[in-house]
Amino acid sequence: MLEQFLWGYFPYIVLTIFIGGHIYRYQHDQFGWTTKSSEFLEKKSLRLGSTLFHWGIIIVFIGHVMGILIPKSVYDAVGISEHTYHTMAIAFGLPAGIVSIVGLAILIQRRLTVKRIRLITSKADWFVLILLAIVMLTGFASTSLNVNADGFDYRTTISPWFRTVLTFRADPTYMESVPIWFKIHIISALCIFIVWPFTRLVHIFSMPFRYLGRSYVVYRRRVPKQQ
């Protein structure tokens, strides 16, 4: 029953909260829809940690899309063998994981050691940081323990399960043989999507695209009047 709930029903509970939570937040808390940036309190560590974290996460996200959403048969059709795919995944995935983890560690250390930032850090902020750390560390551990190309193949288990979830035909049987590290990684990632609408993570959906087409702001130097 637990396996049926986790891999058959839980993803849809998460999806409902994720969508409904964002709608509710946007309707009732538009002024709170922000990153709550603390850059004016400390810039040096933020610049380094944020850059490493975001670029690492972007590469990791692309890797997840390539490995989970694109079926194995597509790679076979274009001539990319299992060995080649695995080599590419390790070559790009592990460094990107290290970069993002280092970035997150810098951001956590910054909130722990800079008093002014620690005072404005909410419980929700800490909860998100802890969840992110669990997701990233378990993901890195899963990849590291699966370096051997003959090891566990998530493209024949997790990937098809995820696609059945997206097509609203979730099939938990795909997850029966998945190692525990991968399961913890997935469950903790789903938990992030539950709290996402109620934290500063909502800023991801507020890209300032209007800045690209807005008029230039003209600044004029004020010249003191001659006495």
Protein backbone atom coordinates (compact mmCIF):
# COMPACT_ATOMS: atom_id res chain seq x y z
CA MET A 1 0.00 0.00 0.00
CA LEU A 2 2.85 2.40 0.78
CA GLU A 3 4.45 1.83 -2.61
CA GLN A 4 1.08 2.28 -4.31
CA PHE A 5 0.55 5.55 -2.46
CA LEU A 6 4.05 6.96 -3.05
CA TRP A 7 4.26 6.19 -6.74
CA GLY A 8 0.59 6.04 -7.71
CA TYR A 9 -1.21 8.77 -5.77
CA PHE A 10 1.36 11.04 -4.10
CA PRO A 11 2.58 12.66 -7.37
CA TYR A 12 -0.95 13.85 -8.13
CA ILE A 13 -1.41 15.20 -4.60
CA VAL A 14 1.82 17.12 -5.11
CA LEU A 15 0.70 18.40 -8.52
CA THR A 16 -2.63 19.59 -7.09
CA ILE A 17 -0.96 21.47 -4.24
CA PHE A 18 1.68 22.88 -6.59
CA ILE A 19 -0.83 24.33 -9.07
CA GLY A 20 -3.50 25.27 -6.55
CA GLY A 21 -0.96 26.79 -4.18
CA HIS A 22 0.44 29.09 -6.84
CA ILE A 23 -3.02 30.24 -7.87
CA TYR A 24 -3.93 30.94 -4.24
CA ARG A 25 -0.64 32.71 -3.54
CA TYR A 26 -0.97 34.90 -6.61
CA GLN A 27 -4.54 35.84 -5.73
CA HIS A 28 -3.88 36.61 -2.06
CA ASP A 29 -0.20 37.52 -1.70
CA GLN A 30 1.12 39.28 -4.79
CA PHE A 31 3.21 41.66 -2.69
CA GLY A 32 4.91 38.66 -1.09
CA TRP A 33 5.67 37.11 -4.48
CA THR A 34 9.36 37.97 -4.35
CA THR A 35 12.84 36.59 -3.86
CA LYS A 36 13.22 38.61 -0.64
CA SER A 37 16.73 39.39 -1.81
CA SER A 38 19.34 40.02 0.88
CA GLU A 39 21.95 41.31 -1.56
CA PHE A 40 22.12 44.73 0.09
CA LEU A 41 23.17 43.03 3.34
CA GLU A 42 26.01 40.96 1.84
CA LYS A 43 27.09 40.65 -1.78
CA LYS A 44 30.37 38.77 -2.08
CA SER A 45 29.27 35.31 -0.87
CA LEU A 46 25.85 35.70 -2.48
CA ARG A 47 27.35 36.44 -5.88
CA LEU A 48 29.63 33.38 -5.78
CA GLY A 49 27.18 30.96 -4.18
CA SER A 50 24.21 32.01 -6.29
CA THR A 51 26.18 31.81 -9.54
CA LEU A 52 27.51 28.31 -8.80
CA PHE A 53 24.16 27.07 -7.54
CA HIS A 54 22.04 28.36 -10.41
CA TRP A 55 24.36 27.35 -13.24
CA GLY A 56 24.88 23.91 -11.71
CA ILE A 57 21.12 23.44 -11.27
CA ILE A 58 20.44 24.49 -14.87
CA ILE A 59 22.83 21.85 -16.22
CA VAL A 60 21.44 19.22 -13.84
CA PHE A 61 17.89 20.10 -14.94
CA ILE A 62 18.81 19.70 -18.60
CA GLY A 63 20.34 16.33 -17.75
CA HIS A 64 17.14 15.24 -16.01
CA VAL A 65 15.07 16.25 -19.03
CA MET A 66 17.35 14.29 -21.35
CA GLY A 67 17.35 11.23 -19.12
CA ILE A 68 13.75 11.13 -17.92
CA LEU A 69 11.52 12.74 -20.51
CA ILE A 70 13.30 11.43 -23.60
CA PRO A 71 12.72 7.65 -24.00
CA LYS A 72 15.67 5.30 -24.36
CA SER A 73 14.33 4.23 -27.76
CA VAL A 74 14.94 7.75 -29.12
CA TYR A 75 18.64 7.53 -28.27
CA ASP A 76 18.83 4.07 -29.81
CA ALA A 77 17.19 5.38 -32.98
CA VAL A 78 19.79 8.13 -33.44
CA GLY A 79 22.69 5.77 -32.72
CA ILE A 80 23.60 6.80 -29.15
CA SER A 81 24.58 3.63 -27.35
CA GLU A 82 24.05 2.91 -23.66
CA HIS A 83 27.78 3.32 -23.01
CA THR A 84 27.95 6.67 -24.81
CA TYR A 85 24.88 8.01 -22.99
CA HIS A 86 26.18 6.84 -19.62
CA THR A 87 29.59 8.41 -20.26
CA MET A 88 27.97 11.73 -21.20
CA ALA A 89 25.70 11.64 -18.15
CA ILE A 90 28.63 11.08 -15.80
CA ALA A 91 30.92 13.59 -17.56
CA PHE A 92 28.39 16.42 -17.30
CA GLY A 93 26.21 15.34 -14.40
CA LEU A 94 28.84 14.82 -11.70
CA PRO A 95 30.68 18.15 -12.23
CA ALA A 96 27.36 20.02 -12.42
CA GLY A 97 26.22 18.31 -9.23
CA ILE A 98 29.44 19.27 -7.45
CA VAL A 99 29.15 22.89 -8.61
CA SER A 100 25.53 23.21 -7.46
CA ILE A 101 26.24 21.55 -4.10
CA VAL A 102 29.20 23.87 -3.48
CA GLY A 103 27.01 26.84 -4.39
CA LEU A 104 24.29 25.71 -1.99
CA ALA A 105 26.86 25.15 0.77
CA ILE A 106 28.12 28.72 0.33
CA LEU A 107 24.57 30.08 0.52
CA ILE A 108 23.83 28.05 3.68
CA GLN A 109 27.14 29.11 5.26
CA ARG A 110 26.30 32.73 4.43
CA ARG A 111 22.97 32.52 6.26
CA LEU A 112 24.60 30.86 9.25
CA THR A 113 27.56 33.21 9.66
CA VAL A 114 26.27 36.63 8.60
CA LYS A 115 24.24 37.84 11.57
CA ARG A 116 22.05 40.32 9.67
CA ILE A 117 21.04 37.64 7.15
CA ARG A 118 20.52 35.00 9.82
CA LEU A 119 18.05 37.31 11.58
CA ILE A 120 15.87 37.72 8.48
CA THR A 121 15.96 34.03 7.50
CA SER A 122 12.56 32.47 8.11
CA LYS A 123 11.77 28.89 9.10
CA ALA A 124 10.43 28.35 5.57
CA ASP A 125 13.80 29.45 4.16
CA TRP A 126 15.65 26.94 6.32
CA PHE A 127 13.19 24.20 5.45
CA VAL A 128 13.69 24.80 1.72
CA LEU A 129 17.48 24.86 2.10
CA ILE A 130 17.41 21.55 4.00
CA LEU A 131 15.15 19.96 1.38
CA LEU A 132 17.39 21.22 -1.42
CA ALA A 133 20.42 19.78 0.34
CA ILE A 134 18.72 16.38 0.70
CA VAL A 135 17.62 16.37 -2.95
CA MET A 136 21.05 17.35 -4.26
CA LEU A 137 23.08 15.07 -1.99
CA THR A 138 20.91 12.01 -2.65
CA GLY A 139 20.95 12.78 -6.37
CA PHE A 140 24.72 13.10 -6.32
CA ALA A 141 25.04 9.91 -4.28
CA SER A 142 22.77 8.04 -6.70
CA THR A 143 24.85 9.18 -9.67
CA SER A 144 28.17 8.46 -7.94
CA LEU A 145 27.11 4.97 -6.90
CA ASN A 146 25.93 4.28 -10.42
CA VAL A 147 29.13 5.19 -12.27
CA ASN A 148 29.42 1.67 -13.69
CA ALA A 149 27.56 1.50 -17.02
CA ASP A 150 26.38 -2.01 -16.09
CA GLY A 151 24.68 -0.72 -12.94
CA PHE A 152 21.12 0.38 -12.35
CA ASP A 153 19.41 1.80 -15.45
CA TYR A 154 16.92 4.50 -14.46
CA ARG A 155 15.89 4.92 -18.11
CA THR A 156 14.01 1.62 -17.97
CA THR A 157 12.44 2.19 -14.53
CA ILE A 158 12.19 5.77 -13.25
CA SER A 159 11.87 7.36 -16.69
CA PRO A 160 8.88 5.32 -17.88
CA TRP A 161 7.26 5.67 -14.44
CA PHE A 162 7.60 9.45 -14.66
CA ARG A 163 6.08 9.48 -18.13
CA THR A 164 3.13 7.39 -16.95
CA VAL A 165 2.58 9.98 -14.22
CA LEU A 166 2.55 12.79 -16.80
CA THR A 167 -0.01 10.92 -18.88
CA PHE A 168 -2.18 10.32 -15.75
CA ARG A 169 -1.67 6.56 -15.89
CA ALA A 170 0.82 6.16 -13.07
CA ASP A 171 2.28 2.66 -12.91
CA PRO A 172 4.03 2.03 -9.54
CA THR A 173 5.40 -1.35 -10.71
CA TYR A 174 8.22 0.47 -12.52
CA MET A 175 9.55 1.63 -9.14
CA GLU A 176 9.76 -1.80 -7.48
CA SER A 177 13.44 -2.42 -8.26
CA VAL A 178 14.64 1.20 -7.83
CA PRO A 179 17.45 1.60 -5.26
CA ILE A 180 16.65 3.45 -2.03
CA TRP A 181 18.86 6.47 -2.83
CA PHE A 182 16.88 7.18 -5.98
CA LYS A 183 13.60 6.83 -4.09
CA ILE A 184 14.70 9.27 -1.37
CA HIS A 185 15.84 11.65 -4.10
CA ILE A 186 12.46 11.55 -5.83
CA ILE A 187 10.36 11.82 -2.65
CA SER A 188 12.38 14.78 -1.34
CA ALA A 189 12.06 16.46 -4.73
CA LEU A 190 8.28 15.98 -4.60
CA CYS A 191 8.26 17.53 -1.14
CA ILE A 192 9.96 20.63 -2.55
CA PHE A 193 7.12 21.00 -5.05
CA ILE A 194 4.63 20.85 -2.16
CA VAL A 195 6.21 23.78 -0.28
CA TRP A 196 7.20 25.65 -3.47
CA PRO A 197 4.06 27.88 -3.73
CA PHE A 198 4.40 29.01 -0.11
CA THR A 199 8.07 30.05 -0.17
CA ARG A 200 10.34 32.44 -2.05
CA LEU A 201 10.79 29.77 -4.75
CA VAL A 202 7.78 31.32 -6.52
CA HIS A 203 10.11 33.98 -7.93
CA ILE A 204 11.21 31.45 -10.58
CA PHE A 205 7.92 32.10 -12.37
CA SER A 206 8.40 35.86 -12.36
CA MET A 207 11.11 36.41 -14.93
CA PRO A 208 11.41 40.14 -15.77
CA PHE A 209 10.77 39.74 -19.50
CA ARG A 210 9.19 43.21 -19.69
CA TYR A 211 12.63 44.71 -19.07
CA LEU A 212 13.71 43.52 -22.52
CA GLY A 213 11.20 45.74 -24.28
CA ARG A 214 10.86 48.70 -21.95
CA SER A 215 12.14 52.17 -22.80
CA TYR A 216 15.51 53.28 -21.56
CA VAL A 217 15.57 55.12 -18.26
CA VAL A 218 17.26 58.48 -18.80
CA TYR A 219 19.44 59.74 -15.98
CA ARG A 220 20.52 63.38 -15.97
CA ARG A 221 23.21 64.81 -13.82
CA ARG A 222 21.98 67.54 -11.55
CA VAL A 223 24.02 70.66 -11.94
CA PRO A 224 23.99 72.98 -8.89
CA LYS A 225 22.61 76.42 -9.58
CA GLN A 226 25.13 79.15 -9.79
CA GLN A 227 24.92 81.59 -6.92
